[in-house]
Amino acid sequence: MPTPHRSGDEHGTPRRPRAKRPEPSGGTHDAARAMRSAAASLQELLGRTPESVTALRRTADGWEADVDVLELERVPETTSVLGSYHVTLDHDGELVGYERTRRYTRGQIDRPG
């Protein structure tokens, strides 16, 4: 005979249902959407595909992101030139502004400090 299903632990202590936590404003879904928006906006303006989003921060006015873009492809690949862009988005993910903050070769390593 099958045992009846109980709602509780092995000692018969009733389990409380887990409350669903609301997604906080500015959660991971918003961050992912902001990252995609920053990359897409920059690609549209520059006509080049972004390589990566290296930083993302929520601000009082929306989002700020740092996006690396391949600017000049060379052989060997380690000598290709990339640009780092600082992108500002509003709360809706619309581009407010951008600026190139750095140019470097792919093989270049940042020095600490």
PDB file of N, CA and C in Angstrom:
ATOM      1  N   MET A   1       0.836  -1.169   0.000  1.00  0.00           N
ATOM      2  CA  MET A   1       0.000   0.000   0.000  1.00  0.00           C
ATOM      3  C   MET A   1       0.883   1.234   0.000  1.00  0.00           C
ATOM      4  N   PRO A   2       0.665   2.188  -0.931  1.00  0.00           N
ATOM      5  CA  PRO A   2       1.511   3.372  -0.974  1.00  0.00           C
ATOM      6  C   PRO A   2       1.283   4.256   0.238  1.00  0.00           C
ATOM      7  N   THR A   3       2.349   4.913   0.665  1.00  0.00           N
ATOM      8  CA  THR A   3       2.213   5.820   1.802  1.00  0.00           C
ATOM      9  C   THR A   3       1.598   7.123   1.336  1.00  0.00           C
ATOM     10  N   PRO A   4       0.732   7.710   2.152  1.00  0.00           N
ATOM     11  CA  PRO A   4       0.107   8.978   1.746  1.00  0.00           C
ATOM     12  C   PRO A   4       1.138  10.088   1.678  1.00  0.00           C
ATOM     13  N   HIS A   5       0.934  11.021   0.781  1.00  0.00           N
ATOM     14  CA  HIS A   5       1.830  12.160   0.605  1.00  0.00           C
ATOM     15  C   HIS A   5       1.616  13.141   1.740  1.00  0.00           C
ATOM     16  N   ARG A   6       2.696  13.538   2.384  1.00  0.00           N
ATOM     17  CA  ARG A   6       2.606  14.527   3.456  1.00  0.00           C
ATOM     18  C   ARG A   6       3.386  15.754   3.064  1.00  0.00           C
ATOM     19  N   SER A   7       2.915  16.862   3.527  1.00  0.00           N
ATOM     20  CA  SER A   7       3.642  18.103   3.327  1.00  0.00           C
ATOM     21  C   SER A   7       4.419  18.368   4.601  1.00  0.00           C
ATOM     22  N   GLY A   8       5.683  18.013   4.607  1.00  0.00           N
ATOM     23  CA  GLY A   8       6.504  18.219   5.784  1.00  0.00           C
ATOM     24  C   GLY A   8       7.815  17.500   5.636  1.00  0.00           C
ATOM     25  N   ASP A   9       8.652  17.582   6.660  1.00  0.00           N
ATOM     26  CA  ASP A   9       9.931  16.889   6.591  1.00  0.00           C
ATOM     27  C   ASP A   9       9.760  15.456   7.086  1.00  0.00           C
ATOM     28  N   GLU A  10      10.871  14.728   7.256  1.00  0.00           N
ATOM     29  CA  GLU A  10      10.798  13.320   7.636  1.00  0.00           C
ATOM     30  C   GLU A  10      10.231  13.110   9.033  1.00  0.00           C
ATOM     31  N   HIS A  11      10.193  14.164   9.855  1.00  0.00           N
ATOM     32  CA  HIS A  11       9.672  14.052  11.212  1.00  0.00           C
ATOM     33  C   HIS A  11       8.233  14.533  11.289  1.00  0.00           C
ATOM     34  N   GLY A  12       7.643  14.906  10.159  1.00  0.00           N
ATOM     35  CA  GLY A  12       6.256  15.352  10.147  1.00  0.00           C
ATOM     36  C   GLY A  12       6.081  16.830  10.435  1.00  0.00           C
ATOM     37  N   THR A  13       7.195  17.553  10.574  1.00  0.00           N
ATOM     38  CA  THR A  13       7.099  18.995  10.804  1.00  0.00           C
ATOM     39  C   THR A  13       6.629  19.660   9.518  1.00  0.00           C
ATOM     40  N   PRO A  14       5.534  20.414   9.586  1.00  0.00           N
ATOM     41  CA  PRO A  14       5.029  21.041   8.354  1.00  0.00           C
ATOM     42  C   PRO A  14       6.045  22.018   7.765  1.00  0.00           C
ATOM     43  N   ARG A  15       6.097  22.039   6.444  1.00  0.00           N
ATOM     44  CA  ARG A  15       6.977  22.976   5.738  1.00  0.00           C
ATOM     45  C   ARG A  15       6.196  24.225   5.399  1.00  0.00           C
ATOM     46  N   ARG A  16       6.861  25.337   5.574  1.00  0.00           N
ATOM     47  CA  ARG A  16       6.259  26.593   5.139  1.00  0.00           C
ATOM     48  C   ARG A  16       6.544  26.776   3.662  1.00  0.00           C
ATOM     49  N   PRO A  17       5.564  27.222   2.894  1.00  0.00           N
ATOM     50  CA  PRO A  17       5.849  27.464   1.477  1.00  0.00           C
ATOM     51  C   PRO A  17       6.863  28.584   1.334  1.00  0.00           C
ATOM     52  N   ARG A  18       7.747  28.411   0.361  1.00  0.00           N
ATOM     53  CA  ARG A  18       8.752  29.445   0.111  1.00  0.00           C
ATOM     54  C   ARG A  18       8.110  30.610  -0.613  1.00  0.00           C
ATOM     55  N   ALA A  19       8.348  31.776  -0.093  1.00  0.00           N
ATOM     56  CA  ALA A  19       7.831  32.980  -0.751  1.00  0.00           C
ATOM     57  C   ALA A  19       8.735  33.329  -1.917  1.00  0.00           C
ATOM     58  N   LYS A  20       8.138  33.704  -3.013  1.00  0.00           N
ATOM     59  CA  LYS A  20       8.939  34.151  -4.150  1.00  0.00           C
ATOM     60  C   LYS A  20       9.437  35.543  -3.866  1.00  0.00           C
ATOM     61  N   ARG A  21      10.738  35.715  -4.084  1.00  0.00           N
ATOM     62  CA  ARG A  21      11.316  37.049  -3.904  1.00  0.00           C
ATOM     63  C   ARG A  21      11.104  37.859  -5.162  1.00  0.00           C
ATOM     64  N   PRO A  22      10.652  39.098  -5.006  1.00  0.00           N
ATOM     65  CA  PRO A  22      10.495  39.918  -6.208  1.00  0.00           C
ATOM     66  C   PRO A  22      11.848  40.244  -6.804  1.00  0.00           C
ATOM     67  N   GLU A  23      11.913  40.298  -8.133  1.00  0.00           N
ATOM     68  CA  GLU A  23      13.141  40.685  -8.834  1.00  0.00           C
ATOM     69  C   GLU A  23      13.426  42.140  -8.512  1.00  0.00           C
ATOM     70  N   PRO A  24      14.581  42.466  -7.924  1.00  0.00           N
ATOM     71  CA  PRO A  24      14.880  43.857  -7.619  1.00  0.00           C
ATOM     72  C   PRO A  24      15.041  44.676  -8.885  1.00  0.00           C
ATOM     73  N   SER A  25      14.666  45.926  -8.800  1.00  0.00           N
ATOM     74  CA  SER A  25      14.864  46.815  -9.936  1.00  0.00           C
ATOM     75  C   SER A  25      16.355  46.900 -10.195  1.00  0.00           C
ATOM     76  N   GLY A  26      16.734  46.777 -11.452  1.00  0.00           N
ATOM     77  CA  GLY A  26      18.160  46.782 -11.768  1.00  0.00           C
ATOM     78  C   GLY A  26      18.778  45.426 -11.570  1.00  0.00           C
ATOM     79  N   GLY A  27      17.964  44.364 -11.629  1.00  0.00           N
ATOM     80  CA  GLY A  27      18.453  43.010 -11.449  1.00  0.00           C
ATOM     81  C   GLY A  27      19.242  42.527 -12.647  1.00  0.00           C
ATOM     82  N   THR A  28      19.528  41.225 -12.637  1.00  0.00           N
ATOM     83  CA  THR A  28      20.368  40.676 -13.690  1.00  0.00           C
ATOM     84  C   THR A  28      19.725  40.766 -15.057  1.00  0.00           C
ATOM     85  N   HIS A  29      18.391  40.680 -15.117  1.00  0.00           N
ATOM     86  CA  HIS A  29      17.725  40.799 -16.417  1.00  0.00           C
ATOM     87  C   HIS A  29      17.920  42.200 -16.985  1.00  0.00           C
ATOM     88  N   ASP A  30      17.800  43.219 -16.146  1.00  0.00           N
ATOM     89  CA  ASP A  30      18.029  44.589 -16.598  1.00  0.00           C
ATOM     90  C   ASP A  30      19.485  44.792 -17.004  1.00  0.00           C
ATOM     91  N   ALA A  31      20.401  44.217 -16.262  1.00  0.00           N
ATOM     92  CA  ALA A  31      21.826  44.357 -16.575  1.00  0.00           C
ATOM     93  C   ALA A  31      22.149  43.703 -17.918  1.00  0.00           C
ATOM     94  N   ALA A  32      21.616  42.517 -18.144  1.00  0.00           N
ATOM     95  CA  ALA A  32      21.857  41.833 -19.419  1.00  0.00           C
ATOM     96  C   ALA A  32      21.275  42.637 -20.575  1.00  0.00           C
ATOM     97  N   ARG A  33      20.101  43.174 -20.382  1.00  0.00           N
ATOM     98  CA  ARG A  33      19.470  43.989 -21.427  1.00  0.00           C
ATOM     99  C   ARG A  33      20.303  45.245 -21.689  1.00  0.00           C
ATOM    100  N   ALA A  34      20.829  45.866 -20.631  1.00  0.00           N
ATOM    101  CA  ALA A  34      21.663  47.059 -20.788  1.00  0.00           C
ATOM    102  C   ALA A  34      22.955  46.722 -21.535  1.00  0.00           C
ATOM    103  N   MET A  35      23.549  45.564 -21.248  1.00  0.00           N
ATOM    104  CA  MET A  35      24.769  45.149 -21.942  1.00  0.00           C
ATOM    105  C   MET A  35      24.496  44.965 -23.434  1.00  0.00           C
ATOM    106  N   ARG A  36      23.411  44.280 -23.758  1.00  0.00           N
ATOM    107  CA  ARG A  36      23.064  44.075 -25.172  1.00  0.00           C
ATOM    108  C   ARG A  36      22.781  45.396 -25.867  1.00  0.00           C
ATOM    109  N   SER A  37      22.099  46.296 -25.177  1.00  0.00           N
ATOM    110  CA  SER A  37      21.760  47.594 -25.758  1.00  0.00           C
ATOM    111  C   SER A  37      23.002  48.432 -26.016  1.00  0.00           C
ATOM    112  N   ALA A  38      23.943  48.426 -25.073  1.00  0.00           N
ATOM    113  CA  ALA A  38      25.189  49.191 -25.239  1.00  0.00           C
ATOM    114  C   ALA A  38      25.964  48.679 -26.448  1.00  0.00           C
ATOM    115  N   ALA A  39      26.086  47.351 -26.562  1.00  0.00           N
ATOM    116  CA  ALA A  39      26.826  46.761 -27.679  1.00  0.00           C
ATOM    117  C   ALA A  39      26.124  47.038 -29.007  1.00  0.00           C
ATOM    118  N   ALA A  40      24.803  46.874 -29.045  1.00  0.00           N
ATOM    119  CA  ALA A  40      24.045  47.085 -30.288  1.00  0.00           C
ATOM    120  C   ALA A  40      24.094  48.539 -30.738  1.00  0.00           C
ATOM    121  N   SER A  41      23.962  49.471 -29.805  1.00  0.00           N
ATOM    122  CA  SER A  41      23.998  50.894 -30.146  1.00  0.00           C
ATOM    123  C   SER A  41      25.351  51.282 -30.716  1.00  0.00           C
ATOM    124  N   LEU A  42      26.408  50.803 -30.097  1.00  0.00           N
ATOM    125  CA  LEU A  42      27.750  51.122 -30.570  1.00  0.00           C
ATOM    126  C   LEU A  42      28.006  50.492 -31.942  1.00  0.00           C
ATOM    127  N   GLN A  43      27.544  49.276 -32.150  1.00  0.00           N
ATOM    128  CA  GLN A  43      27.706  48.619 -33.445  1.00  0.00           C
ATOM    129  C   GLN A  43      27.000  49.415 -34.541  1.00  0.00           C
ATOM    130  N   GLU A  44      25.810  49.908 -34.256  1.00  0.00           N
ATOM    131  CA  GLU A  44      25.065  50.687 -35.238  1.00  0.00           C
ATOM    132  C   GLU A  44      25.801  51.974 -35.602  1.00  0.00           C
ATOM    133  N   LEU A  45      26.372  52.634 -34.626  1.00  0.00           N
ATOM    134  CA  LEU A  45      27.059  53.903 -34.881  1.00  0.00           C
ATOM    135  C   LEU A  45      28.424  53.725 -35.552  1.00  0.00           C
ATOM    136  N   LEU A  46      29.174  52.722 -35.124  1.00  0.00           N
ATOM    137  CA  LEU A  46      30.542  52.543 -35.626  1.00  0.00           C
ATOM    138  C   LEU A  46      30.619  51.620 -36.838  1.00  0.00           C
ATOM    139  N   GLY A  47      29.604  50.793 -37.028  1.00  0.00           N
ATOM    140  CA  GLY A  47      29.637  49.836 -38.120  1.00  0.00           C
ATOM    141  C   GLY A  47      30.603  48.689 -37.867  1.00  0.00           C
ATOM    142  N   ARG A  48      30.952  48.462 -36.614  1.00  0.00           N
ATOM    143  CA  ARG A  48      31.859  47.381 -36.234  1.00  0.00           C
ATOM    144  C   ARG A  48      31.239  46.578 -35.109  1.00  0.00           C
ATOM    145  N   THR A  49      31.519  45.289 -35.102  1.00  0.00           N
ATOM    146  CA  THR A  49      30.945  44.411 -34.080  1.00  0.00           C
ATOM    147  C   THR A  49      31.743  44.513 -32.778  1.00  0.00           C
ATOM    148  N   PRO A  50      31.082  44.818 -31.668  1.00  0.00           N
ATOM    149  CA  PRO A  50      31.779  44.848 -30.376  1.00  0.00           C
ATOM    150  C   PRO A  50      32.306  43.465 -30.006  1.00  0.00           C
ATOM    151  N   GLU A  51      33.476  43.442 -29.393  1.00  0.00           N
ATOM    152  CA  GLU A  51      34.086  42.185 -28.948  1.00  0.00           C
ATOM    153  C   GLU A  51      33.583  41.784 -27.568  1.00  0.00           C
ATOM    154  N   SER A  52      33.457  42.767 -26.669  1.00  0.00           N
ATOM    155  CA  SER A  52      33.018  42.444 -25.310  1.00  0.00           C
ATOM    156  C   SER A  52      32.579  43.693 -24.567  1.00  0.00           C
ATOM    157  N   VAL A  53      31.744  43.477 -23.566  1.00  0.00           N
ATOM    158  CA  VAL A  53      31.393  44.529 -22.616  1.00  0.00           C
ATOM    159  C   VAL A  53      32.235  44.233 -21.384  1.00  0.00           C
ATOM    160  N   THR A  54      33.173  45.131 -21.076  1.00  0.00           N
ATOM    161  CA  THR A  54      34.125  44.855 -20.005  1.00  0.00           C
ATOM    162  C   THR A  54      33.724  45.455 -18.661  1.00  0.00           C
ATOM    163  N   ALA A  55      32.745  46.349 -18.670  1.00  0.00           N
ATOM    164  CA  ALA A  55      32.265  46.920 -17.417  1.00  0.00           C
ATOM    165  C   ALA A  55      30.833  47.395 -17.627  1.00  0.00           C
ATOM    166  N   LEU A  56      30.045  47.321 -16.557  1.00  0.00           N
ATOM    167  CA  LEU A  56      28.665  47.788 -16.596  1.00  0.00           C
ATOM    168  C   LEU A  56      28.297  48.270 -15.209  1.00  0.00           C
ATOM    169  N   ARG A  57      27.757  49.466 -15.121  1.00  0.00           N
ATOM    170  CA  ARG A  57      27.331  49.999 -13.821  1.00  0.00           C
ATOM    171  C   ARG A  57      26.011  50.729 -13.961  1.00  0.00           C
ATOM    172  N   ARG A  58      25.176  50.545 -12.961  1.00  0.00           N
ATOM    173  CA  ARG A  58      23.910  51.263 -12.896  1.00  0.00           C
ATOM    174  C   ARG A  58      24.197  52.631 -12.318  1.00  0.00           C
ATOM    175  N   THR A  59      23.576  53.653 -12.872  1.00  0.00           N
ATOM    176  CA  THR A  59      23.725  55.017 -12.356  1.00  0.00           C
ATOM    177  C   THR A  59      22.350  55.566 -12.034  1.00  0.00           C
ATOM    178  N   ALA A  60      22.309  56.732 -11.458  1.00  0.00           N
ATOM    179  CA  ALA A  60      21.029  57.377 -11.155  1.00  0.00           C
ATOM    180  C   ALA A  60      20.258  57.693 -12.434  1.00  0.00           C
ATOM    181  N   ASP A  61      20.977  57.889 -13.531  1.00  0.00           N
ATOM    182  CA  ASP A  61      20.334  58.262 -14.800  1.00  0.00           C
ATOM    183  C   ASP A  61      20.135  57.092 -15.757  1.00  0.00           C
ATOM    184  N   GLY A  62      20.627  55.894 -15.430  1.00  0.00           N
ATOM    185  CA  GLY A  62      20.498  54.752 -16.319  1.00  0.00           C
ATOM    186  C   GLY A  62      21.647  53.781 -16.146  1.00  0.00           C
ATOM    187  N   TRP A  63      22.489  53.643 -17.192  1.00  0.00           N
ATOM    188  CA  TRP A  63      23.601  52.697 -17.185  1.00  0.00           C
ATOM    189  C   TRP A  63      24.825  53.315 -17.844  1.00  0.00           C
ATOM    190  N   GLU A  64      25.994  52.846 -17.430  1.00  0.00           N
ATOM    191  CA  GLU A  64      27.256  53.161 -18.090  1.00  0.00           C
ATOM    192  C   GLU A  64      27.946  51.832 -18.374  1.00  0.00           C
ATOM    193  N   ALA A  65      28.544  51.725 -19.553  1.00  0.00           N
ATOM    194  CA  ALA A  65      29.230  50.491 -19.925  1.00  0.00           C
ATOM    195  C   ALA A  65      30.536  50.817 -20.634  1.00  0.00           C
ATOM    196  N   ASP A  66      31.495  49.921 -20.522  1.00  0.00           N
ATOM    197  CA  ASP A  66      32.732  49.993 -21.289  1.00  0.00           C
ATOM    198  C   ASP A  66      32.697  48.841 -22.282  1.00  0.00           C
ATOM    199  N   VAL A  67      32.846  49.170 -23.549  1.00  0.00           N
ATOM    200  CA  VAL A  67      32.716  48.188 -24.625  1.00  0.00           C
ATOM    201  C   VAL A  67      33.980  48.205 -25.475  1.00  0.00           C
ATOM    202  N   ASP A  68      34.553  47.023 -25.732  1.00  0.00           N
ATOM    203  CA  ASP A  68      35.730  46.901 -26.589  1.00  0.00           C
ATOM    204  C   ASP A  68      35.292  46.523 -27.999  1.00  0.00           C
ATOM    205  N   VAL A  69      35.853  47.239 -28.991  1.00  0.00           N
ATOM    206  CA  VAL A  69      35.488  47.060 -30.391  1.00  0.00           C
ATOM    207  C   VAL A  69      36.760  46.849 -31.213  1.00  0.00           C
ATOM    208  N   LEU A  70      36.721  45.857 -32.118  1.00  0.00           N
ATOM    209  CA  LEU A  70      37.831  45.631 -33.035  1.00  0.00           C
ATOM    210  C   LEU A  70      37.815  46.752 -34.075  1.00  0.00           C
ATOM    211  N   GLU A  71      38.871  47.561 -34.105  1.00  0.00           N
ATOM    212  CA  GLU A  71      38.925  48.697 -35.034  1.00  0.00           C
ATOM    213  C   GLU A  71      39.761  48.417 -36.269  1.00  0.00           C
ATOM    214  N   LEU A  72      40.795  47.607 -36.125  1.00  0.00           N
ATOM    215  CA  LEU A  72      41.677  47.311 -37.248  1.00  0.00           C
ATOM    216  C   LEU A  72      42.173  45.879 -37.107  1.00  0.00           C
ATOM    217  N   GLU A  73      41.757  45.020 -38.024  1.00  0.00           N
ATOM    218  CA  GLU A  73      42.161  43.626 -37.966  1.00  0.00           C
ATOM    219  C   GLU A  73      43.493  43.448 -38.678  1.00  0.00           C
ATOM    220  N   ARG A  74      44.421  42.792 -37.990  1.00  0.00           N
ATOM    221  CA  ARG A  74      45.761  42.560 -38.540  1.00  0.00           C
ATOM    222  C   ARG A  74      46.173  41.109 -38.355  1.00  0.00           C
ATOM    223  N   VAL A  75      47.208  40.725 -39.084  1.00  0.00           N
ATOM    224  CA  VAL A  75      47.801  39.404 -38.938  1.00  0.00           C
ATOM    225  C   VAL A  75      49.240  39.619 -38.492  1.00  0.00           C
ATOM    226  N   PRO A  76      49.674  39.014 -37.407  1.00  0.00           N
ATOM    227  CA  PRO A  76      48.932  38.108 -36.556  1.00  0.00           C
ATOM    228  C   PRO A  76      47.865  38.851 -35.740  1.00  0.00           C
ATOM    229  N   GLU A  77      46.881  38.081 -35.271  1.00  0.00           N
ATOM    230  CA  GLU A  77      45.748  38.641 -34.554  1.00  0.00           C
ATOM    231  C   GLU A  77      46.153  39.455 -33.323  1.00  0.00           C
ATOM    232  N   THR A  78      47.273  39.109 -32.713  1.00  0.00           N
ATOM    233  CA  THR A  78      47.723  39.822 -31.511  1.00  0.00           C
ATOM    234  C   THR A  78      48.106  41.267 -31.800  1.00  0.00           C
ATOM    235  N   THR A  79      48.263  41.623 -33.076  1.00  0.00           N
ATOM    236  CA  THR A  79      48.591  43.011 -33.419  1.00  0.00           C
ATOM    237  C   THR A  79      47.356  43.804 -33.877  1.00  0.00           C
ATOM    238  N   SER A  80      46.182  43.169 -33.868  1.00  0.00           N
ATOM    239  CA  SER A  80      44.945  43.880 -34.212  1.00  0.00           C
ATOM    240  C   SER A  80      44.711  45.012 -33.218  1.00  0.00           C
ATOM    241  N   VAL A  81      44.081  46.093 -33.677  1.00  0.00           N
ATOM    242  CA  VAL A  81      43.850  47.274 -32.840  1.00  0.00           C
ATOM    243  C   VAL A  81      42.403  47.284 -32.362  1.00  0.00           C
ATOM    244  N   LEU A  82      42.246  47.443 -31.057  1.00  0.00           N
ATOM    245  CA  LEU A  82      40.918  47.539 -30.450  1.00  0.00           C
ATOM    246  C   LEU A  82      40.735  48.915 -29.840  1.00  0.00           C
ATOM    247  N   GLY A  83      39.502  49.328 -29.726  1.00  0.00           N
ATOM    248  CA  GLY A  83      39.169  50.575 -29.049  1.00  0.00           C
ATOM    249  C   GLY A  83      38.253  50.272 -27.881  1.00  0.00           C
ATOM    250  N   SER A  84      38.464  50.958 -26.782  1.00  0.00           N
ATOM    251  CA  SER A  84      37.599  50.837 -25.614  1.00  0.00           C
ATOM    252  C   SER A  84      36.706  52.063 -25.592  1.00  0.00           C
ATOM    253  N   TYR A  85      35.413  51.848 -25.527  1.00  0.00           N
ATOM    254  CA  TYR A  85      34.435  52.942 -25.552  1.00  0.00           C
ATOM    255  C   TYR A  85      33.631  52.970 -24.264  1.00  0.00           C
ATOM    256  N   HIS A  86      33.436  54.180 -23.746  1.00  0.00           N
ATOM    257  CA  HIS A  86      32.581  54.386 -22.583  1.00  0.00           C
ATOM    258  C   HIS A  86      31.215  54.812 -23.123  1.00  0.00           C
ATOM    259  N   VAL A  87      30.179  54.020 -22.815  1.00  0.00           N
ATOM    260  CA  VAL A  87      28.843  54.229 -23.350  1.00  0.00           C
ATOM    261  C   VAL A  87      27.896  54.591 -22.219  1.00  0.00           C
ATOM    262  N   THR A  88      27.057  55.603 -22.436  1.00  0.00           N
ATOM    263  CA  THR A  88      26.057  56.012 -21.455  1.00  0.00           C
ATOM    264  C   THR A  88      24.663  55.755 -22.030  1.00  0.00           C
ATOM    265  N   LEU A  89      23.834  55.054 -21.235  1.00  0.00           N
ATOM    266  CA  LEU A  89      22.468  54.730 -21.637  1.00  0.00           C
ATOM    267  C   LEU A  89      21.487  55.308 -20.628  1.00  0.00           C
ATOM    268  N   ASP A  90      20.275  55.651 -21.094  1.00  0.00           N
ATOM    269  CA  ASP A  90      19.246  56.089 -20.154  1.00  0.00           C
ATOM    270  C   ASP A  90      18.570  54.856 -19.548  1.00  0.00           C
ATOM    271  N   HIS A  91      17.533  55.063 -18.718  1.00  0.00           N
ATOM    272  CA  HIS A  91      16.852  53.947 -18.052  1.00  0.00           C
ATOM    273  C   HIS A  91      16.206  52.979 -19.039  1.00  0.00           C
ATOM    274  N   ASP A  92      15.853  53.447 -20.225  1.00  0.00           N
ATOM    275  CA  ASP A  92      15.217  52.597 -21.229  1.00  0.00           C
ATOM    276  C   ASP A  92      16.234  51.878 -22.115  1.00  0.00           C
ATOM    277  N   GLY A  93      17.531  52.091 -21.863  1.00  0.00           N
ATOM    278  CA  GLY A  93      18.566  51.444 -22.660  1.00  0.00           C
ATOM    279  C   GLY A  93      18.899  52.193 -23.937  1.00  0.00           C
ATOM    280  N   GLU A  94      18.399  53.417 -24.066  1.00  0.00           N
ATOM    281  CA  GLU A  94      18.693  54.225 -25.251  1.00  0.00           C
ATOM    282  C   GLU A  94      20.034  54.929 -25.064  1.00  0.00           C
ATOM    283  N   LEU A  95      20.814  54.985 -26.133  1.00  0.00           N
ATOM    284  CA  LEU A  95      22.132  55.608 -26.089  1.00  0.00           C
ATOM    285  C   LEU A  95      22.008  57.106 -25.831  1.00  0.00           C
ATOM    286  N   VAL A  96      22.736  57.587 -24.848  1.00  0.00           N
ATOM    287  CA  VAL A  96      22.789  59.010 -24.527  1.00  0.00           C
ATOM    288  C   VAL A  96      24.094  59.604 -25.048  1.00  0.00           C
ATOM    289  N   GLY A  97      25.184  58.822 -24.954  1.00  0.00           N
ATOM    290  CA  GLY A  97      26.475  59.296 -25.432  1.00  0.00           C
ATOM    291  C   GLY A  97      27.514  58.195 -25.376  1.00  0.00           C
ATOM    292  N   TYR A  98      28.617  58.439 -26.088  1.00  0.00           N
ATOM    293  CA  TYR A  98      29.736  57.492 -26.046  1.00  0.00           C
ATOM    294  C   TYR A  98      31.014  58.242 -26.371  1.00  0.00           C
ATOM    295  N   GLU A  99      32.134  57.685 -25.923  1.00  0.00           N
ATOM    296  CA  GLU A  99      33.439  58.237 -26.272  1.00  0.00           C
ATOM    297  C   GLU A  99      34.476  57.122 -26.232  1.00  0.00           C
ATOM    298  N   ARG A 100      35.447  57.208 -27.134  1.00  0.00           N
ATOM    299  CA  ARG A 100      36.540  56.244 -27.095  1.00  0.00           C
ATOM    300  C   ARG A 100      37.501  56.699 -26.015  1.00  0.00           C
ATOM    301  N   THR A 101      37.841  55.794 -25.128  1.00  0.00           N
ATOM    302  CA  THR A 101      38.707  56.137 -24.000  1.00  0.00           C
ATOM    303  C   THR A 101      40.109  55.572 -24.147  1.00  0.00           C
ATOM    304  N   ARG A 102      40.278  54.621 -25.082  1.00  0.00           N
ATOM    305  CA  ARG A 102      41.577  53.964 -25.201  1.00  0.00           C
ATOM    306  C   ARG A 102      41.662  53.214 -26.520  1.00  0.00           C
ATOM    307  N   ARG A 103      42.851  53.142 -27.079  1.00  0.00           N
ATOM    308  CA  ARG A 103      43.159  52.286 -28.236  1.00  0.00           C
ATOM    309  C   ARG A 103      44.354  51.441 -27.857  1.00  0.00           C
ATOM    310  N   TYR A 104      44.316  50.168 -28.225  1.00  0.00           N
ATOM    311  CA  TYR A 104      45.398  49.273 -27.841  1.00  0.00           C
ATOM    312  C   TYR A 104      45.445  48.077 -28.783  1.00  0.00           C
ATOM    313  N   THR A 105      46.583  47.391 -28.808  1.00  0.00           N
ATOM    314  CA  THR A 105      46.691  46.167 -29.595  1.00  0.00           C
ATOM    315  C   THR A 105      46.201  44.993 -28.745  1.00  0.00           C
ATOM    316  N   ARG A 106      45.637  44.011 -29.422  1.00  0.00           N
ATOM    317  CA  ARG A 106      45.052  42.859 -28.723  1.00  0.00           C
ATOM    318  C   ARG A 106      46.056  42.181 -27.801  1.00  0.00           C
ATOM    319  N   GLY A 107      47.310  42.122 -28.170  1.00  0.00           N
ATOM    320  CA  GLY A 107      48.318  41.445 -27.366  1.00  0.00           C
ATOM    321  C   GLY A 107      48.824  42.274 -26.186  1.00  0.00           C
ATOM    322  N   GLN A 108      48.381  43.513 -26.077  1.00  0.00           N
ATOM    323  CA  GLN A 108      48.856  44.395 -25.004  1.00  0.00           C
ATOM    324  C   GLN A 108      48.204  44.020 -23.681  1.00  0.00           C
ATOM    325  N   ILE A 109      49.010  44.010 -22.632  1.00  0.00           N
ATOM    326  CA  ILE A 109      48.519  43.704 -21.288  1.00  0.00           C
ATOM    327  C   ILE A 109      48.630  44.958 -20.438  1.00  0.00           C
ATOM    328  N   ASP A 110      47.555  45.268 -19.692  1.00  0.00           N
ATOM    329  CA  ASP A 110      47.587  46.435 -18.801  1.00  0.00           C
ATOM    330  C   ASP A 110      48.579  46.200 -17.684  1.00  0.00           C
ATOM    331  N   ARG A 111      49.287  47.242 -17.350  1.00  0.00           N
ATOM    332  CA  ARG A 111      50.220  47.178 -16.222  1.00  0.00           C
ATOM    333  C   ARG A 111      49.468  47.551 -14.946  1.00  0.00           C
ATOM    334  N   PRO A 112      49.706  46.824 -13.855  1.00  0.00           N
ATOM    335  CA  PRO A 112      49.024  47.147 -12.594  1.00  0.00           C
ATOM    336  C   PRO A 112      49.450  48.520 -12.086  1.00  0.00           C
ATOM    337  N   GLY A 113      48.472  49.136 -11.395  1.00  0.00           N
ATOM    338  CA  GLY A 113      48.772  50.400 -10.732  1.00  0.00           C
ATOM    339  C   GLY A 113      48.638  51.520 -11.612  1.00  0.00           C
TER     340      GLY A 113
END
